[in-house]
Amino acid sequence: MAGVLVPIAASTDRLVQTVKALNDTEVGGETLVPPWTRGHVITHVARAADSLCRLLTWARTGVETPQYASMDARAAEIESGARRPVHELVADVVASAERFDDAVRSLPDAAWSFEVRMRTGELRMPDALASTRLRELEVHHADLAVGYGFADVPPPTARLIIDDLVDAQRRREGIPPLRIEATDTGLTHELGTGGPTIRGTQADLLGCEGCCRDHSRIRRCRSGCRCADHYHSRDR
C-alpha cells in the first residue's frame, strides 16, 4: 500500500493548489454535489481522511473503531467546517493528509490482513483503503467545479479508481447489471449480464462511476449517460 501513497500525494497536491487559488467568497460557491458548497466538499475530504485513519487504527489494534461515530456526527463535522476561510481549509486538508500518510506507513505487517468495516458496510483490508482515499481526492476535486475535471486525472490513477469502484459495486447486493467500455483505453467491466452498455472515454466513465458509487447524494453524470437513473432509482 505504501507504493500507492505516491499518486495519493500527487492528488493531494493538485487539490491543495486548487483550494489555494480560491478566495473566501468562492468557497461558498456551488458544486456538482448540491446543496454542498465548495467549503463542504473540501471539509469532507479532510474528515474522510481522518475517518480512514480510524479504520487503520482498527486494523492496527484489533479494537473496533468505526469510520464515523454516526451519520449525524459525520454531517455535523462537515457542516461545522464548511464556512471557514481558505487558509484554514488548506491547512486542514494538508494536516489530515499527513495523518493518513503516517497511519499507513506505521501499520505493522500483521495488520495488513485484518478486515475492517466501512460506513457502507463493506469489509475491506487496509490496502484497499488507499484506493478509497485516491477516489475521495480525485472525485471531489472535480466536484468543486473550478476547472479541474475527470480528463485532468492521470490515466493510471483514473483506471485504479474505476477498478476499485466496480469492485465495490460487485460487493453490493441488488445492483442492476451494467457493462462499461472505455473507447480510448480498452478498459471494460461488466456487472452481471444483460444490462445496458455505457461507452465513453475513460475520463467520462470515471465521472459515471463517481456518480453511480455515491448513493448518499446525487451527482450529475458528466458523460451524459443515464447511469444515474440506472443506479439511483432504487435508492430514492
C-alpha atoms as a PDB file:
ATOM      1  CA  MET A   1       0.000   0.000   0.000  1.00  0.00           C
ATOM      2  CA  ALA A   2       2.903   2.360   0.629  1.00  0.00           C
ATOM      3  CA  GLY A   3       3.544   2.457  -3.126  1.00  0.00           C
ATOM      4  CA  VAL A   4       0.150   3.997  -3.813  1.00  0.00           C
ATOM      5  CA  LEU A   5       0.988   6.831  -1.435  1.00  0.00           C
ATOM      6  CA  VAL A   6       2.860   8.414  -4.359  1.00  0.00           C
ATOM      7  CA  PRO A   7      -0.265   9.043  -6.503  1.00  0.00           C
ATOM      8  CA  ILE A   8      -2.179   9.959  -3.352  1.00  0.00           C
ATOM      9  CA  ALA A   9       0.417  12.617  -2.539  1.00  0.00           C
ATOM     10  CA  ALA A  10       0.228  13.922  -6.111  1.00  0.00           C
ATOM     11  CA  SER A  11      -3.580  14.046  -5.983  1.00  0.00           C
ATOM     12  CA  THR A  12      -3.430  15.825  -2.649  1.00  0.00           C
ATOM     13  CA  ASP A  13      -1.032  18.414  -4.031  1.00  0.00           C
ATOM     14  CA  ARG A  14      -3.282  19.103  -7.017  1.00  0.00           C
ATOM     15  CA  LEU A  15      -6.278  19.579  -4.742  1.00  0.00           C
ATOM     16  CA  VAL A  16      -4.350  21.845  -2.382  1.00  0.00           C
ATOM     17  CA  GLN A  17      -3.208  24.048  -5.258  1.00  0.00           C
ATOM     18  CA  THR A  18      -6.809  24.357  -6.445  1.00  0.00           C
ATOM     19  CA  VAL A  19      -8.085  25.290  -2.997  1.00  0.00           C
ATOM     20  CA  LYS A  20      -5.294  27.826  -2.505  1.00  0.00           C
ATOM     21  CA  ALA A  21      -6.411  29.581  -5.706  1.00  0.00           C
ATOM     22  CA  LEU A  22      -9.912  30.183  -4.299  1.00  0.00           C
ATOM     23  CA  ASN A  23     -10.916  33.252  -2.362  1.00  0.00           C
ATOM     24  CA  ASP A  24     -13.128  33.201   0.724  1.00  0.00           C
ATOM     25  CA  THR A  25     -16.211  34.135  -1.289  1.00  0.00           C
ATOM     26  CA  GLU A  26     -15.645  31.375  -3.852  1.00  0.00           C
ATOM     27  CA  VAL A  27     -15.527  28.807  -1.053  1.00  0.00           C
ATOM     28  CA  GLY A  28     -19.269  29.316  -0.690  1.00  0.00           C
ATOM     29  CA  GLY A  29     -19.909  28.626  -4.376  1.00  0.00           C
ATOM     30  CA  GLU A  30     -21.953  25.812  -5.889  1.00  0.00           C
ATOM     31  CA  THR A  31     -20.529  22.355  -6.593  1.00  0.00           C
ATOM     32  CA  LEU A  32     -21.523  19.273  -8.554  1.00  0.00           C
ATOM     33  CA  VAL A  33     -22.970  17.779  -5.352  1.00  0.00           C
ATOM     34  CA  PRO A  34     -25.636  20.277  -4.243  1.00  0.00           C
ATOM     35  CA  PRO A  35     -26.533  21.501  -1.710  1.00  0.00           C
ATOM     36  CA  TRP A  36     -22.899  21.231  -0.623  1.00  0.00           C
ATOM     37  CA  THR A  37     -20.742  24.285  -1.235  1.00  0.00           C
ATOM     38  CA  ARG A  38     -17.036  24.098  -2.004  1.00  0.00           C
ATOM     39  CA  GLY A  39     -16.386  24.523   1.699  1.00  0.00           C
ATOM     40  CA  HIS A  40     -18.487  21.449   2.431  1.00  0.00           C
ATOM     41  CA  VAL A  41     -16.660  19.357  -0.180  1.00  0.00           C
ATOM     42  CA  ILE A  42     -13.203  20.440   0.991  1.00  0.00           C
ATOM     43  CA  THR A  43     -14.079  19.805   4.624  1.00  0.00           C
ATOM     44  CA  HIS A  44     -15.469  16.390   3.695  1.00  0.00           C
ATOM     45  CA  VAL A  45     -12.188  15.420   2.005  1.00  0.00           C
ATOM     46  CA  ALA A  46     -10.298  16.248   5.204  1.00  0.00           C
ATOM     47  CA  ARG A  47     -12.749  14.473   7.513  1.00  0.00           C
ATOM     48  CA  ALA A  48     -12.814  11.443   5.193  1.00  0.00           C
ATOM     49  CA  ALA A  49      -9.044  11.144   5.591  1.00  0.00           C
ATOM     50  CA  ASP A  50      -9.471  11.132   9.369  1.00  0.00           C
ATOM     51  CA  SER A  51     -12.199   8.508   9.051  1.00  0.00           C
ATOM     52  CA  LEU A  52      -9.819   6.232   7.156  1.00  0.00           C
ATOM     53  CA  CYS A  53      -7.238   6.780   9.881  1.00  0.00           C
ATOM     54  CA  ARG A  54      -9.786   5.413  12.356  1.00  0.00           C
ATOM     55  CA  LEU A  55     -10.199   2.309  10.216  1.00  0.00           C
ATOM     56  CA  LEU A  56      -6.429   1.879  10.095  1.00  0.00           C
ATOM     57  CA  THR A  57      -6.383   2.165  13.892  1.00  0.00           C
ATOM     58  CA  TRP A  58      -8.958  -0.641  13.986  1.00  0.00           C
ATOM     59  CA  ALA A  59      -6.710  -2.780  11.783  1.00  0.00           C
ATOM     60  CA  ARG A  60      -3.652  -1.994  13.885  1.00  0.00           C
ATOM     61  CA  THR A  61      -5.195  -2.601  17.311  1.00  0.00           C
ATOM     62  CA  GLY A  62      -7.969  -5.085  16.578  1.00  0.00           C
ATOM     63  CA  VAL A  63     -10.326  -2.861  18.589  1.00  0.00           C
ATOM     64  CA  GLU A  64     -13.411  -1.862  16.606  1.00  0.00           C
ATOM     65  CA  THR A  65     -13.096   1.796  15.684  1.00  0.00           C
ATOM     66  CA  PRO A  66     -15.965   2.900  13.424  1.00  0.00           C
ATOM     67  CA  GLN A  67     -15.254   5.113  10.463  1.00  0.00           C
ATOM     68  CA  TYR A  68     -17.737   7.632  11.897  1.00  0.00           C
ATOM     69  CA  ALA A  69     -19.464   7.742  15.274  1.00  0.00           C
ATOM     70  CA  SER A  70     -22.746   8.163  13.377  1.00  0.00           C
ATOM     71  CA  MET A  71     -24.015   9.627  10.130  1.00  0.00           C
ATOM     72  CA  ASP A  72     -25.328  12.604  12.086  1.00  0.00           C
ATOM     73  CA  ALA A  73     -21.866  13.175  13.543  1.00  0.00           C
ATOM     74  CA  ARG A  74     -20.361  12.945  10.052  1.00  0.00           C
ATOM     75  CA  ALA A  75     -22.786  15.551   8.726  1.00  0.00           C
ATOM     76  CA  ALA A  76     -22.179  17.826  11.717  1.00  0.00           C
ATOM     77  CA  GLU A  77     -18.411  17.730  11.214  1.00  0.00           C
ATOM     78  CA  ILE A  78     -18.768  18.718   7.579  1.00  0.00           C
ATOM     79  CA  GLU A  79     -21.277  21.464   8.309  1.00  0.00           C
ATOM     80  CA  SER A  80     -19.193  22.961  11.110  1.00  0.00           C
ATOM     81  CA  GLY A  81     -16.135  23.300   8.875  1.00  0.00           C
ATOM     82  CA  ALA A  82     -17.773  24.394   5.635  1.00  0.00           C
ATOM     83  CA  ARG A  83     -17.641  28.161   6.193  1.00  0.00           C
ATOM     84  CA  ARG A  84     -14.001  28.519   7.181  1.00  0.00           C
ATOM     85  CA  PRO A  85     -11.646  30.826   5.273  1.00  0.00           C
ATOM     86  CA  VAL A  86      -9.414  29.405   2.563  1.00  0.00           C
ATOM     87  CA  HIS A  87      -6.232  29.312   4.643  1.00  0.00           C
ATOM     88  CA  GLU A  88      -7.941  27.177   7.297  1.00  0.00           C
ATOM     89  CA  LEU A  89      -9.358  24.791   4.710  1.00  0.00           C
ATOM     90  CA  VAL A  90      -5.944  24.375   3.087  1.00  0.00           C
ATOM     91  CA  ALA A  91      -4.286  23.714   6.449  1.00  0.00           C
ATOM     92  CA  ASP A  92      -6.955  21.129   7.295  1.00  0.00           C
ATOM     93  CA  VAL A  93      -6.545  19.236   4.011  1.00  0.00           C
ATOM     94  CA  VAL A  94      -2.759  19.193   4.405  1.00  0.00           C
ATOM     95  CA  ALA A  95      -2.793  18.123   8.063  1.00  0.00           C
ATOM     96  CA  SER A  96      -5.378  15.363   7.548  1.00  0.00           C
ATOM     97  CA  ALA A  97      -3.422  14.068   4.540  1.00  0.00           C
ATOM     98  CA  GLU A  98      -0.298  13.882   6.668  1.00  0.00           C
ATOM     99  CA  ARG A  99      -2.174  11.947   9.350  1.00  0.00           C
ATOM    100  CA  PHE A 100      -3.364   9.419   6.764  1.00  0.00           C
ATOM    101  CA  ASP A 101       0.146   9.051   5.348  1.00  0.00           C
ATOM    102  CA  ASP A 102       1.582   8.483   8.820  1.00  0.00           C
ATOM    103  CA  ALA A 103      -1.128   5.933   9.659  1.00  0.00           C
ATOM    104  CA  VAL A 104      -0.340   3.933   6.525  1.00  0.00           C
ATOM    105  CA  ARG A 105       3.413   3.995   7.000  1.00  0.00           C
ATOM    106  CA  SER A 106       3.188   2.948  10.665  1.00  0.00           C
ATOM    107  CA  LEU A 107       0.869  -0.019  10.067  1.00  0.00           C
ATOM    108  CA  PRO A 108       2.536  -3.277  11.223  1.00  0.00           C
ATOM    109  CA  ASP A 109       2.728  -6.253   8.894  1.00  0.00           C
ATOM    110  CA  ALA A 110       0.095  -8.253  10.776  1.00  0.00           C
ATOM    111  CA  ALA A 111      -2.481  -5.503  10.351  1.00  0.00           C
ATOM    112  CA  TRP A 112      -2.482  -5.656   6.556  1.00  0.00           C
ATOM    113  CA  SER A 113      -4.607  -8.825   6.557  1.00  0.00           C
ATOM    114  CA  PHE A 114      -7.140  -7.508   9.071  1.00  0.00           C
ATOM    115  CA  GLU A 115     -10.611  -6.687   7.733  1.00  0.00           C
ATOM    116  CA  VAL A 116     -12.393  -3.517   8.805  1.00  0.00           C
ATOM    117  CA  ARG A 117     -15.935  -2.410   8.037  1.00  0.00           C
ATOM    118  CA  MET A 118     -16.543   0.847   6.200  1.00  0.00           C
ATOM    119  CA  ARG A 119     -19.606   3.000   6.934  1.00  0.00           C
ATOM    120  CA  THR A 120     -21.314   1.465   3.883  1.00  0.00           C
ATOM    121  CA  GLY A 121     -20.963  -2.000   5.398  1.00  0.00           C
ATOM    122  CA  GLU A 122     -18.193  -3.123   3.044  1.00  0.00           C
ATOM    123  CA  LEU A 123     -15.413  -5.223   4.542  1.00  0.00           C
ATOM    124  CA  ARG A 124     -12.011  -4.044   3.370  1.00  0.00           C
ATOM    125  CA  MET A 125      -8.392  -4.722   4.199  1.00  0.00           C
ATOM    126  CA  PRO A 126      -6.066  -1.754   4.687  1.00  0.00           C
ATOM    127  CA  ASP A 127      -4.532  -1.948   1.221  1.00  0.00           C
ATOM    128  CA  ALA A 128      -7.958  -1.255  -0.312  1.00  0.00           C
ATOM    129  CA  LEU A 129      -8.333   1.922   1.748  1.00  0.00           C
ATOM    130  CA  ALA A 130      -5.691   3.584  -0.411  1.00  0.00           C
ATOM    131  CA  SER A 131      -7.946   3.351  -3.443  1.00  0.00           C
ATOM    132  CA  THR A 132     -10.752   4.797  -1.368  1.00  0.00           C
ATOM    133  CA  ARG A 133      -8.569   7.756  -0.430  1.00  0.00           C
ATOM    134  CA  LEU A 134      -7.499   8.302  -4.021  1.00  0.00           C
ATOM    135  CA  ARG A 135     -11.132   8.274  -5.134  1.00  0.00           C
ATOM    136  CA  GLU A 136     -12.123  10.805  -2.487  1.00  0.00           C
ATOM    137  CA  LEU A 137      -9.387  13.167  -3.631  1.00  0.00           C
ATOM    138  CA  GLU A 138      -9.997  12.973  -7.363  1.00  0.00           C
ATOM    139  CA  VAL A 139     -13.791  12.746  -7.495  1.00  0.00           C
ATOM    140  CA  HIS A 140     -14.288  15.560  -5.005  1.00  0.00           C
ATOM    141  CA  HIS A 141     -11.643  17.681  -6.704  1.00  0.00           C
ATOM    142  CA  ALA A 142     -13.810  17.559  -9.805  1.00  0.00           C
ATOM    143  CA  ASP A 143     -16.887  18.225  -7.671  1.00  0.00           C
ATOM    144  CA  LEU A 144     -15.514  21.664  -6.780  1.00  0.00           C
ATOM    145  CA  ALA A 145     -16.410  22.811 -10.315  1.00  0.00           C
ATOM    146  CA  VAL A 146     -13.485  25.190 -10.652  1.00  0.00           C
ATOM    147  CA  GLY A 147     -11.890  23.850 -13.837  1.00  0.00           C
ATOM    148  CA  TYR A 148     -10.438  20.512 -12.722  1.00  0.00           C
ATOM    149  CA  GLY A 149     -12.298  17.700 -14.449  1.00  0.00           C
ATOM    150  CA  PHE A 150     -12.000  13.977 -14.892  1.00  0.00           C
ATOM    151  CA  ALA A 151      -9.945  14.467 -18.057  1.00  0.00           C
ATOM    152  CA  ASP A 152      -7.284  16.014 -15.781  1.00  0.00           C
ATOM    153  CA  VAL A 153      -6.950  12.856 -13.682  1.00  0.00           C
ATOM    154  CA  PRO A 154      -3.818  10.920 -14.735  1.00  0.00           C
ATOM    155  CA  PRO A 155      -4.972   7.850 -16.706  1.00  0.00           C
ATOM    156  CA  PRO A 156      -3.319   5.269 -14.405  1.00  0.00           C
ATOM    157  CA  THR A 157      -4.999   6.907 -11.416  1.00  0.00           C
ATOM    158  CA  ALA A 158      -8.352   7.036 -13.217  1.00  0.00           C
ATOM    159  CA  ARG A 159      -8.141   3.347 -14.050  1.00  0.00           C
ATOM    160  CA  LEU A 160      -7.261   2.397 -10.492  1.00  0.00           C
ATOM    161  CA  ILE A 161     -10.271   4.326  -9.201  1.00  0.00           C
ATOM    162  CA  ILE A 162     -12.649   2.806 -11.760  1.00  0.00           C
ATOM    163  CA  ASP A 163     -11.427  -0.705 -10.954  1.00  0.00           C
ATOM    164  CA  ASP A 164     -11.970  -0.045  -7.254  1.00  0.00           C
ATOM    165  CA  LEU A 165     -15.445   1.414  -7.786  1.00  0.00           C
ATOM    166  CA  VAL A 166     -16.543  -1.536  -9.902  1.00  0.00           C
ATOM    167  CA  ASP A 167     -15.202  -3.967  -7.307  1.00  0.00           C
ATOM    168  CA  ALA A 168     -17.213  -2.114  -4.670  1.00  0.00           C
ATOM    169  CA  GLN A 169     -20.357  -2.417  -6.788  1.00  0.00           C
ATOM    170  CA  ARG A 170     -19.792  -6.161  -7.129  1.00  0.00           C
ATOM    171  CA  ARG A 171     -19.832  -6.489  -3.354  1.00  0.00           C
ATOM    172  CA  ARG A 172     -23.245  -4.810  -3.090  1.00  0.00           C
ATOM    173  CA  GLU A 173     -26.475  -6.759  -3.282  1.00  0.00           C
ATOM    174  CA  GLY A 174     -29.161  -5.973  -5.819  1.00  0.00           C
ATOM    175  CA  ILE A 175     -27.042  -3.871  -8.171  1.00  0.00           C
ATOM    176  CA  PRO A 176     -28.572  -3.892 -11.689  1.00  0.00           C
ATOM    177  CA  PRO A 177     -26.406  -5.360 -14.478  1.00  0.00           C
ATOM    178  CA  LEU A 178     -24.240  -2.937 -16.413  1.00  0.00           C
ATOM    179  CA  ARG A 179     -21.301  -3.026 -18.812  1.00  0.00           C
ATOM    180  CA  ILE A 180     -18.840  -0.161 -19.241  1.00  0.00           C
ATOM    181  CA  GLU A 181     -16.382   0.250 -22.110  1.00  0.00           C
ATOM    182  CA  ALA A 182     -13.678   2.899 -22.440  1.00  0.00           C
ATOM    183  CA  THR A 183     -13.346   3.992 -26.053  1.00  0.00           C
ATOM    184  CA  ASP A 184      -9.800   5.306 -25.622  1.00  0.00           C
ATOM    185  CA  THR A 185      -8.023   2.833 -23.327  1.00  0.00           C
ATOM    186  CA  GLY A 186      -9.751  -0.511 -23.854  1.00  0.00           C
ATOM    187  CA  LEU A 187     -10.876  -0.740 -20.241  1.00  0.00           C
ATOM    188  CA  THR A 188     -14.034  -2.834 -19.824  1.00  0.00           C
ATOM    189  CA  HIS A 189     -16.025  -4.013 -16.833  1.00  0.00           C
ATOM    190  CA  GLU A 190     -19.242  -5.987 -16.604  1.00  0.00           C
ATOM    191  CA  LEU A 191     -21.582  -6.203 -13.649  1.00  0.00           C
ATOM    192  CA  GLY A 192     -23.881  -9.150 -14.193  1.00  0.00           C
ATOM    193  CA  THR A 193     -25.232  -9.945 -17.646  1.00  0.00           C
ATOM    194  CA  GLY A 194     -27.866  -8.495 -19.910  1.00  0.00           C
ATOM    195  CA  GLY A 195     -27.605  -4.927 -18.726  1.00  0.00           C
ATOM    196  CA  PRO A 196     -27.093  -1.741 -20.783  1.00  0.00           C
ATOM    197  CA  THR A 197     -23.655  -0.718 -22.026  1.00  0.00           C
ATOM    198  CA  ILE A 198     -22.149   2.665 -21.231  1.00  0.00           C
ATOM    199  CA  ARG A 199     -19.388   3.752 -23.619  1.00  0.00           C
ATOM    200  CA  GLY A 200     -17.170   6.773 -23.353  1.00  0.00           C
ATOM    201  CA  THR A 201     -13.647   7.905 -22.721  1.00  0.00           C
ATOM    202  CA  GLN A 202     -12.037   6.656 -19.559  1.00  0.00           C
ATOM    203  CA  ALA A 203     -12.471  10.144 -18.098  1.00  0.00           C
ATOM    204  CA  ASP A 204     -16.200  10.067 -18.896  1.00  0.00           C
ATOM    205  CA  LEU A 205     -16.534   6.648 -17.315  1.00  0.00           C
ATOM    206  CA  LEU A 206     -14.781   7.869 -14.188  1.00  0.00           C
ATOM    207  CA  GLY A 207     -17.436  10.577 -13.985  1.00  0.00           C
ATOM    208  CA  CYS A 208     -20.156   7.967 -14.415  1.00  0.00           C
ATOM    209  CA  GLU A 209     -18.654   5.659 -11.839  1.00  0.00           C
ATOM    210  CA  GLY A 210     -18.211   8.509  -9.375  1.00  0.00           C
ATOM    211  CA  CYS A 211     -21.867   9.286  -9.878  1.00  0.00           C
ATOM    212  CA  CYS A 212     -23.005   5.702  -9.542  1.00  0.00           C
ATOM    213  CA  ARG A 213     -20.918   4.980  -6.471  1.00  0.00           C
ATOM    214  CA  ASP A 214     -22.172   7.842  -4.319  1.00  0.00           C
ATOM    215  CA  HIS A 215     -25.619   6.791  -3.119  1.00  0.00           C
ATOM    216  CA  SER A 216     -25.763   9.435  -0.357  1.00  0.00           C
ATOM    217  CA  ARG A 217     -26.185  12.368  -2.735  1.00  0.00           C
ATOM    218  CA  ILE A 218     -26.974  12.506  -6.441  1.00  0.00           C
ATOM    219  CA  ARG A 219     -24.258  13.892  -8.671  1.00  0.00           C
ATOM    220  CA  ARG A 220     -24.914  14.898 -12.250  1.00  0.00           C
ATOM    221  CA  CYS A 221     -23.241  12.433 -14.589  1.00  0.00           C
ATOM    222  CA  ARG A 222     -20.564  14.176 -16.656  1.00  0.00           C
ATOM    223  CA  SER A 223     -20.755  11.962 -19.719  1.00  0.00           C
ATOM    224  CA  GLY A 224     -24.448  12.480 -20.423  1.00  0.00           C
ATOM    225  CA  CYS A 225     -25.381   8.822 -19.953  1.00  0.00           C
ATOM    226  CA  ARG A 226     -28.335   7.507 -17.958  1.00  0.00           C
ATOM    227  CA  CYS A 227     -26.287   5.760 -15.307  1.00  0.00           C
ATOM    228  CA  ALA A 228     -27.555   7.988 -12.511  1.00  0.00           C
ATOM    229  CA  ASP A 229     -31.134   6.921 -13.216  1.00  0.00           C
ATOM    230  CA  HIS A 230     -29.948   3.330 -13.578  1.00  0.00           C
ATOM    231  CA  TYR A 231     -28.410   3.236 -10.113  1.00  0.00           C
ATOM    232  CA  HIS A 232     -30.206   5.826  -8.053  1.00  0.00           C
ATOM    233  CA  SER A 233     -33.794   4.866  -8.871  1.00  0.00           C
ATOM    234  CA  ARG A 234     -33.586   2.074  -6.309  1.00  0.00           C
ATOM    235  CA  ASP A 235     -32.391   4.444  -3.554  1.00  0.00           C
ATOM    236  CA  ARG A 236     -34.820   7.338  -3.893  1.00  0.00           C
END
